[in-house]
Amino acid sequence: MSEDTPGSRMTYGNYLQLNELLSLQTGPEGHNPPPSNHEMHFIITHQAFELWFKQINCELEEALTLMNVPDVDEKHIPVVVRHLERCSEIFRLLASQWKVMETLSPQDFLAFRDRLGTSSGFESWQMRTLEMLLGLESEQRIGGMDPMAHNKKLHTEGKLSDSVMQTIIRIDNLPSLNEVLGRWLARTPVNGVSGDENVLREFVEGHLQAMSEHSESVIAHMVKIGHGEENTIRPRIKSGIDGARDFLLPDGKVSPARAGLLFIESYRELPLLSWPRRLIDTVVELEQSMLLFRSHHARMVERMIGRRMGTGGSSGVDYLDMTLKYRIFTDLWAVRTMLVKREVLPDPKNSEFYGFTASN
């Protein structure tokens, strides 16, 4: 059949496989009676979540492919940023999608809740793989919830296909975004030099000294505005500086990744650092959008079923609230505590390396 005949013309429905897609809202085989309007709403909403999770997984794998190399090509950083920005926007969309779920009344949901059986949102293997790709470790999970062990159990029971299980194992064996980001940060040229421990230590010690000097004006200001006495404020400020030292010099040795991160955040206006800074901001934004998604999920569940046990046997909304403590990119958040005013920062050395000079 030639391409220009009516029977060969690509249509919107053909391209999107709408016949197949729109036949998937009837529930599992043997689901009888057919879903009510409210149950169909529940099914469609969660199917939409899974489609978007698929896209997020694709975006993260593309970003990892570009980042998981010994030397990241600088022209790839904007591409990675675009992939991660798309993930953030999807999570924002999904956070608002919980509002659509809230158009179900508690009674509407309870009318079909028993039909869910023991199924649980924890069994969304795509949500679990995107967490793996980002870098959420099993030991960080609440209450020993181990997705790999649970998915292996489902696979053994014939409730998870071989191809899905292979995908989960493949992703579990990949380095995470958190890992490759750390390696990339460790290669950051600090004061124009990469990988020189003496240069890194000099930069770190200089920054800690700037923090200490800055702290004196902070203490004086807090005393002046009546936020306490010097003898109570000073130990708190000193504790923060000691914490910064432990962060930047774990076990007395400079952390190249954390030093690189601090340098980018401190001198973010330098032209050569504009895309590295943008990448860091984008990762923070991605984690923030994911936290908002989790928060909206928890509040929707509480609004719908209160403090009931989850269908999968979890503590329900209490478990969801505990997942709000999940943080993957902890260093990217922690470094903000250590930043100081621009006017007390030491001038960067070899500033011409970054496309900027102090006289500009």
Protein backbone atom coordinates (compact mmCIF):
# COMPACT_ATOMS: atom_id res chain seq x y z
CA MET A 1 0.00 0.00 0.00
CA SER A 2 1.52 3.36 -1.03
CA GLU A 3 2.08 6.10 1.53
CA ASP A 4 -0.41 8.50 -0.07
CA THR A 5 -3.44 6.17 0.04
CA PRO A 6 -6.15 6.92 2.61
CA GLY A 7 -5.65 3.54 4.29
CA SER A 8 -1.98 4.24 5.00
CA ARG A 9 -2.39 7.75 6.41
CA MET A 10 -1.15 8.17 9.97
CA THR A 11 -3.86 9.50 12.26
CA TYR A 12 -3.78 11.00 15.73
CA GLY A 13 -5.42 7.86 17.13
CA ASN A 14 -3.01 5.52 15.33
CA TYR A 15 0.05 7.45 16.43
CA LEU A 16 -1.01 7.47 20.11
CA GLN A 17 -2.52 3.97 20.00
CA LEU A 18 -5.65 5.39 21.55
CA ASN A 19 -7.78 2.30 21.03
CA GLU A 20 -5.39 0.29 23.18
CA LEU A 21 -4.79 3.09 25.69
CA LEU A 22 -8.47 3.85 26.29
CA SER A 23 -9.32 0.20 26.82
CA LEU A 24 -7.12 -0.04 29.93
CA GLN A 25 -9.44 1.59 32.48
CA THR A 26 -11.64 -1.44 33.19
CA GLY A 27 -9.55 -2.78 36.06
CA PRO A 28 -7.76 -6.14 36.18
CA GLU A 29 -9.22 -9.26 34.59
CA GLY A 30 -12.27 -10.46 36.48
CA HIS A 31 -12.91 -7.01 37.96
CA ASN A 32 -16.68 -7.16 38.30
CA PRO A 33 -18.83 -5.10 38.27
CA PRO A 34 -17.07 -2.62 35.96
CA PRO A 35 -15.55 0.43 37.64
CA SER A 36 -17.91 3.18 38.68
CA ASN A 37 -17.25 6.75 37.56
CA HIS A 38 -15.38 7.38 40.82
CA GLU A 39 -13.23 4.25 40.53
CA MET A 40 -12.44 5.04 36.89
CA HIS A 41 -11.31 8.49 38.03
CA PHE A 42 -8.98 6.79 40.53
CA ILE A 43 -7.61 4.42 37.87
CA ILE A 44 -7.03 7.14 35.26
CA THR A 45 -5.29 9.43 37.74
CA HIS A 46 -2.85 6.72 38.78
CA GLN A 47 -2.26 5.56 35.22
CA ALA A 48 -1.37 9.17 34.38
CA PHE A 49 1.10 9.14 37.28
CA GLU A 50 2.75 6.02 35.87
CA LEU A 51 3.06 7.53 32.39
CA TRP A 52 4.80 10.56 33.84
CA PHE A 53 7.03 8.35 36.02
CA LYS A 54 8.09 6.61 32.81
CA GLN A 55 9.09 9.96 31.33
CA ILE A 56 11.03 10.97 34.46
CA ASN A 57 12.94 7.69 34.37
CA CYS A 58 13.83 8.34 30.73
CA GLU A 59 15.01 11.89 31.47
CA LEU A 60 17.15 10.75 34.41
CA GLU A 61 18.79 7.97 32.40
CA GLU A 62 19.60 10.43 29.62
CA ALA A 63 21.15 12.82 32.15
CA LEU A 64 23.17 10.00 33.75
CA THR A 65 24.52 8.88 30.38
CA LEU A 66 25.97 12.35 29.84
CA MET A 67 27.29 12.74 33.41
CA ASN A 68 28.68 9.24 34.02
CA VAL A 69 31.98 9.77 32.20
CA PRO A 70 35.52 10.54 33.46
CA ASP A 71 35.41 14.07 32.02
CA VAL A 72 32.00 15.62 31.44
CA ASP A 73 31.90 17.63 28.23
CA GLU A 74 30.95 21.17 29.22
CA LYS A 75 28.58 21.48 26.29
CA HIS A 76 26.54 18.62 27.79
CA ILE A 77 25.81 20.45 31.05
CA PRO A 78 23.00 22.58 29.52
CA VAL A 79 21.51 19.38 28.08
CA VAL A 80 21.58 17.71 31.51
CA VAL A 81 19.96 20.81 33.00
CA ARG A 82 17.11 20.60 30.48
CA HIS A 83 16.49 16.94 31.31
CA LEU A 84 16.35 17.70 35.04
CA GLU A 85 14.23 20.81 34.59
CA ARG A 86 11.69 18.68 32.75
CA CYS A 87 11.64 16.26 35.70
CA SER A 88 10.98 19.16 38.08
CA GLU A 89 8.11 20.45 35.98
CA ILE A 90 6.59 16.98 35.81
CA PHE A 91 6.72 16.65 39.60
CA ARG A 92 5.05 20.05 39.94
CA LEU A 93 2.33 18.86 37.60
CA LEU A 94 1.92 15.63 39.57
CA ALA A 95 1.72 17.54 42.86
CA SER A 96 -1.23 19.48 41.44
CA GLN A 97 -2.74 16.26 40.12
CA TRP A 98 -3.45 15.21 43.71
CA LYS A 99 -5.98 18.08 43.74
CA VAL A 100 -7.91 16.22 41.06
CA MET A 101 -7.98 13.18 43.34
CA GLU A 102 -9.48 15.34 46.07
CA THR A 103 -12.64 15.72 44.00
CA LEU A 104 -13.44 12.24 45.35
CA SER A 105 -15.22 12.44 48.68
CA PRO A 106 -14.11 10.01 51.42
CA GLN A 107 -17.36 8.08 50.89
CA ASP A 108 -16.76 7.94 47.12
CA PHE A 109 -13.38 6.32 47.74
CA LEU A 110 -14.53 3.97 50.50
CA ALA A 111 -17.20 2.63 48.13
CA PHE A 112 -14.52 0.88 46.06
CA ARG A 113 -11.42 0.85 48.33
CA ASP A 114 -11.82 -2.84 49.19
CA ARG A 115 -11.47 -3.66 45.48
CA LEU A 116 -7.83 -2.53 45.70
CA GLY A 117 -7.06 -5.61 47.79
CA THR A 118 -3.52 -5.50 49.18
CA SER A 119 -2.16 -3.32 46.38
CA SER A 120 -0.03 -0.40 47.51
CA GLY A 121 1.56 2.69 46.01
CA PHE A 122 4.87 1.30 47.30
CA GLU A 123 4.54 -1.27 44.51
CA SER A 124 4.90 1.45 41.86
CA TRP A 125 8.19 0.06 40.56
CA GLN A 126 8.72 3.10 38.33
CA MET A 127 8.58 5.44 41.34
CA ARG A 128 11.08 3.19 43.09
CA THR A 129 13.45 3.14 40.08
CA LEU A 130 13.42 6.92 39.75
CA GLU A 131 14.34 7.10 43.45
CA MET A 132 17.22 4.69 42.70
CA LEU A 133 18.35 6.81 39.76
CA LEU A 134 18.38 9.90 41.95
CA GLY A 135 20.32 8.11 44.71
CA LEU A 136 17.94 7.20 47.53
CA GLU A 137 19.68 4.36 49.37
CA SER A 138 17.87 1.36 50.88
CA GLU A 139 19.22 2.17 54.35
CA GLN A 140 17.62 5.62 54.14
CA ARG A 141 14.14 4.18 53.66
CA ILE A 142 11.60 4.25 56.47
CA GLY A 143 10.90 1.11 58.48
CA GLY A 144 13.07 -1.23 56.43
CA MET A 145 10.90 -0.79 53.32
CA ASP A 146 13.15 -2.49 50.76
CA PRO A 147 11.77 -2.10 47.21
CA MET A 148 14.26 -4.54 45.70
CA ALA A 149 13.33 -7.33 48.12
CA HIS A 150 9.61 -6.61 47.64
CA ASN A 151 9.88 -6.59 43.86
CA LYS A 152 11.83 -9.86 43.88
CA LYS A 153 9.04 -11.36 45.98
CA LEU A 154 6.41 -10.12 43.50
CA HIS A 155 8.48 -11.52 40.63
CA THR A 156 8.73 -14.92 42.35
CA GLU A 157 4.96 -14.90 42.80
CA GLY A 158 4.49 -14.19 39.10
CA LYS A 159 3.10 -10.68 39.76
CA LEU A 160 5.99 -8.87 38.11
CA SER A 161 7.22 -9.78 34.63
CA ASP A 162 10.76 -10.89 33.81
CA SER A 163 11.35 -7.79 31.69
CA VAL A 164 10.28 -5.44 34.50
CA MET A 165 12.47 -7.26 37.01
CA GLN A 166 15.43 -7.05 34.62
CA THR A 167 14.83 -3.29 34.26
CA ILE A 168 14.77 -2.83 38.04
CA ILE A 169 18.01 -4.80 38.48
CA ARG A 170 19.71 -2.89 35.65
CA ILE A 171 18.79 0.47 37.17
CA ASP A 172 19.81 -0.67 40.66
CA ASN A 173 23.28 -1.41 39.26
CA LEU A 174 23.67 2.02 37.67
CA PRO A 175 25.51 4.84 39.47
CA SER A 176 23.01 7.36 40.79
CA LEU A 177 22.75 11.03 39.92
CA ASN A 178 24.00 11.81 43.42
CA GLU A 179 27.13 9.71 42.82
CA VAL A 180 28.01 11.13 39.41
CA LEU A 181 27.28 14.66 40.62
CA GLY A 182 29.74 14.15 43.47
CA ARG A 183 32.45 12.95 41.08
CA TRP A 184 31.78 15.90 38.77
CA LEU A 185 31.98 18.39 41.65
CA ALA A 186 35.28 16.85 42.80
CA ARG A 187 36.81 17.86 39.45
CA THR A 188 35.79 21.53 39.84
CA PRO A 189 38.76 23.86 39.26
CA VAL A 190 39.13 25.77 42.52
CA ASN A 191 41.08 29.01 42.18
CA GLY A 192 41.94 27.91 38.65
CA VAL A 193 43.37 24.51 39.64
CA SER A 194 41.79 21.03 39.65
CA GLY A 195 42.67 18.22 42.04
CA ASP A 196 45.43 19.95 44.02
CA GLU A 197 44.88 19.18 47.71
CA ASN A 198 47.02 22.11 48.85
CA VAL A 199 44.99 24.55 46.75
CA LEU A 200 41.75 23.03 48.04
CA ARG A 201 42.87 23.25 51.66
CA GLU A 202 43.99 26.86 51.25
CA PHE A 203 40.59 27.74 49.78
CA VAL A 204 38.68 25.91 52.53
CA GLU A 205 40.74 27.45 55.34
CA GLY A 206 40.31 30.88 53.78
CA HIS A 207 36.54 30.41 53.64
CA LEU A 208 36.40 29.20 57.26
CA GLN A 209 38.38 32.28 58.26
CA ALA A 210 35.89 34.47 56.37
CA MET A 211 33.05 32.73 58.23
CA SER A 212 34.78 33.41 61.54
CA GLU A 213 35.33 37.09 60.73
CA HIS A 214 31.79 37.45 59.45
CA SER A 215 30.47 35.88 62.63
CA GLU A 216 31.71 38.82 64.73
CA SER A 217 29.43 41.26 62.90
CA VAL A 218 26.57 38.74 63.11
CA ILE A 219 27.01 38.41 66.89
CA ALA A 220 27.18 42.19 67.36
CA HIS A 221 24.03 42.66 65.27
CA MET A 222 22.07 39.99 67.15
CA VAL A 223 23.03 41.49 70.51
CA LYS A 224 22.13 44.98 69.28
CA ILE A 225 18.61 43.96 68.18
CA GLY A 226 18.00 42.08 71.40
CA HIS A 227 18.15 38.48 70.22
CA GLY A 228 20.23 37.42 73.20
CA GLU A 229 23.42 37.98 75.13
CA GLU A 230 26.84 37.50 73.57
CA ASN A 231 27.68 34.62 75.92
CA THR A 232 24.70 32.63 74.62
CA ILE A 233 24.92 33.64 70.94
CA ARG A 234 28.66 33.08 70.46
CA PRO A 235 28.63 29.31 71.23
CA ARG A 236 25.81 28.81 68.70
CA ILE A 237 27.72 30.68 66.00
CA LYS A 238 30.92 28.80 66.83
CA SER A 239 29.03 25.50 66.59
CA GLY A 240 28.00 26.43 63.06
CA ILE A 241 31.61 27.17 62.06
CA ASP A 242 32.79 23.91 63.66
CA GLY A 243 30.07 22.10 61.69
CA ALA A 244 31.32 23.73 58.48
CA ARG A 245 34.86 22.56 59.23
CA ASP A 246 33.66 19.00 59.80
CA PHE A 247 31.67 19.17 56.54
CA LEU A 248 34.53 20.49 54.42
CA LEU A 249 37.32 18.59 56.17
CA PRO A 250 35.85 15.20 57.17
CA ASP A 251 38.45 13.31 59.24
CA GLY A 252 40.78 16.26 58.69
CA LYS A 253 41.05 15.72 54.92
CA VAL A 254 39.62 18.06 52.32
CA SER A 255 36.54 16.76 50.51
CA PRO A 256 37.17 17.78 46.87
CA ALA A 257 33.46 17.50 46.00
CA ARG A 258 32.35 19.69 48.89
CA ALA A 259 35.14 22.20 48.29
CA GLY A 260 34.13 22.37 44.62
CA LEU A 261 30.49 22.82 45.59
CA LEU A 262 31.35 25.62 48.02
CA PHE A 263 33.49 27.35 45.40
CA ILE A 264 30.69 27.27 42.80
CA GLU A 265 28.12 28.56 45.29
CA SER A 266 30.42 31.28 46.63
CA TYR A 267 31.57 32.61 43.25
CA ARG A 268 28.50 31.79 41.21
CA GLU A 269 28.69 35.07 39.24
CA LEU A 270 31.93 34.03 37.50
CA PRO A 271 31.05 33.38 33.84
CA LEU A 272 32.67 29.93 33.67
CA LEU A 273 30.63 28.82 36.68
CA SER A 274 27.26 29.91 35.31
CA TRP A 275 26.22 26.47 34.00
CA PRO A 276 27.70 24.50 36.93
CA ARG A 277 25.75 26.79 39.25
CA ARG A 278 22.64 26.31 37.12
CA LEU A 279 23.04 22.53 37.34
CA ILE A 280 23.30 22.62 41.14
CA ASP A 281 20.25 24.87 41.40
CA THR A 282 18.33 22.55 39.08
CA VAL A 283 19.11 19.48 41.20
CA VAL A 284 17.99 21.30 44.35
CA GLU A 285 14.83 22.39 42.55
CA LEU A 286 14.18 18.81 41.43
CA GLU A 287 14.43 17.47 44.97
CA GLN A 288 12.24 20.30 46.23
CA SER A 289 9.55 19.55 43.64
CA MET A 290 9.70 15.87 44.61
CA LEU A 291 9.26 16.78 48.29
CA LEU A 292 6.23 18.90 47.40
CA PHE A 293 4.80 15.96 45.45
CA ARG A 294 5.21 13.72 48.53
CA SER A 295 3.68 16.36 50.80
CA HIS A 296 0.61 16.84 48.58
CA HIS A 297 0.23 13.05 48.39
CA ALA A 298 0.22 12.73 52.18
CA ARG A 299 -2.32 15.51 52.67
CA MET A 300 -4.60 14.05 49.99
CA VAL A 301 -4.50 10.64 51.67
CA GLU A 302 -5.21 12.15 55.10
CA ARG A 303 -8.12 14.09 53.65
CA MET A 304 -9.46 10.94 52.01
CA ILE A 305 -8.99 8.21 54.67
CA GLY A 306 -7.69 9.98 57.76
CA ARG A 307 -5.31 7.82 59.79
CA ARG A 308 -6.48 4.45 58.47
CA MET A 309 -3.96 1.72 57.70
CA GLY A 310 -2.83 1.64 54.06
CA THR A 311 -4.17 -1.06 51.75
CA GLY A 312 -0.68 -2.54 51.52
CA GLY A 313 -0.37 -2.81 55.30
CA SER A 314 1.64 0.36 55.94
CA SER A 315 0.67 2.95 58.55
CA GLY A 316 -0.93 5.01 55.78
CA VAL A 317 -0.51 8.74 56.07
CA ASP A 318 1.96 8.35 58.96
CA TYR A 319 4.27 6.42 56.61
CA LEU A 320 3.83 9.02 53.86
CA ASP A 321 4.66 11.82 56.30
CA MET A 322 7.87 10.01 57.27
CA THR A 323 8.96 9.90 53.61
CA LEU A 324 9.06 13.71 53.69
CA LYS A 325 12.33 13.28 55.59
CA TYR A 326 13.96 11.67 52.56
CA ARG A 327 16.81 13.84 51.33
CA ILE A 328 19.17 12.63 48.64
CA PHE A 329 21.30 15.65 47.75
CA THR A 330 22.11 16.56 51.34
CA ASP A 331 25.40 18.33 50.55
CA LEU A 332 23.67 20.70 48.11
CA TRP A 333 21.33 21.81 50.88
CA ALA A 334 23.92 21.82 53.69
CA VAL A 335 26.41 24.09 51.91
CA ARG A 336 23.95 27.00 52.05
CA THR A 337 24.52 27.22 55.81
CA MET A 338 28.18 28.05 55.15
CA LEU A 339 27.83 30.90 52.66
CA VAL A 340 28.90 34.40 53.65
CA LYS A 341 28.30 37.89 52.29
CA ARG A 342 30.07 38.69 49.03
CA GLU A 343 31.99 41.58 50.59
CA VAL A 344 33.75 39.31 53.12
CA LEU A 345 34.63 36.58 50.60
CA PRO A 346 38.31 36.39 49.67
CA ASP A 347 38.88 37.36 46.05
CA PRO A 348 39.17 34.24 43.88
CA LYS A 349 42.68 33.52 42.69
CA ASN A 350 43.36 33.12 38.96
CA SER A 351 40.01 34.82 38.33
CA GLU A 352 40.91 35.31 34.65
CA PHE A 353 40.59 31.52 34.30
CA TYR A 354 36.84 31.92 34.89
CA GLY A 355 36.40 34.72 32.34
CA PHE A 356 36.43 37.44 34.99
CA THR A 357 38.98 39.73 36.60
CA ALA A 358 38.73 41.66 39.84
CA SER A 359 39.02 44.93 37.94
CA ASN A 360 35.96 44.16 35.74
